[in-house]
Amino acid sequence: PHANGTLDPLRDAKNVDFDLIVTDLGQTEKRLERLSKDLKKQKTAELEKENELLIRAKARLEKELPLRELEMTKDDEKRIRGFMFLSQKPMLYVLNIGESTQLGTDLDAAPAKYNMIEYASRPNAGVTAICGKVEAELAEMPDEEAADFLASYGLTDSGLSRLIRKSYELLGLMSFFTAGEDECRAWTVERNSRAQNAAGAIHSDLEKHFIRAEVIRWDTLLEMGSEANARAKGLLRLEGKDYIVQDGDVMHIRHSG
């Protein structure tokens, strides 16, 4: 049974956020007290900027608003990074719903059913739903059996897969692939990464000595059956260092190293 006696995801989400905000407020107040003393001894531009930023943060926290919604410059983000404020972190609310014969429909409807859409639509927040019971069963199954099991609920992918995708989206991340004869690997990079920077996720030498990238969409490669077939049909593109890598790209890096 729930500690509060009733199930109310929106209430619980607000309670968690409130606890994080209170913790951050206490830390902010302590730092501002210290800054006040330091500024009396010696004023520096950096201390004054930090003080101004934390005053803005404190005002927001006192309104019970999380710091992930606070507008900051890149320099401000660097100044505040060391505090590791909890309410500054992106927040993904995950609804754990019960098993049903129409689970696919129920998962899609859950955020609206539990009044989470508006709350989770705020900056740097999101919501998704899973069925923990089904996920536990899936974890014990081989891939082929798992696919049939999901289909029986009207699902094409697991809650874990949806959770990972939503997390990547919230964090501004994506994956590209490298594929060889005996191995295919996914590499995580920030969205809108240039090809040369993405190559650095594989190895710093590839970024340093980058020449070109051969690129093909993962689904196109699967359709062709092999890289050789795709190459024969002219489906591999040559892209330069400034190419913006797309989620799901398969890349072969040409380099001079």
Foldseek 3Di string as FASTA:
>chain_A
DDPVPDDALVVVVLVVLLVLLVVLLVVLVVVLVVLVVVVVVPDDPVSVVLNVLSVVSNVCSVVSHFPCQPDDDPVNCVSCVVVPRPSNAQEEAEAADADDQQVVVCFVCVCVVSVNPVVQPHQRGYYGYAHVVLVVVLVPDDPVVSCVVQVSNVHRDHPVVVVVVVVCVSVQKAWEWEDDPPDIDIFIDGAQAFPLVSLVSVPVQLSVFFAWKWKAAQVVCVVLVHPVSCVVVVRTDIGGRRDGDDHRIYIDTDGDD
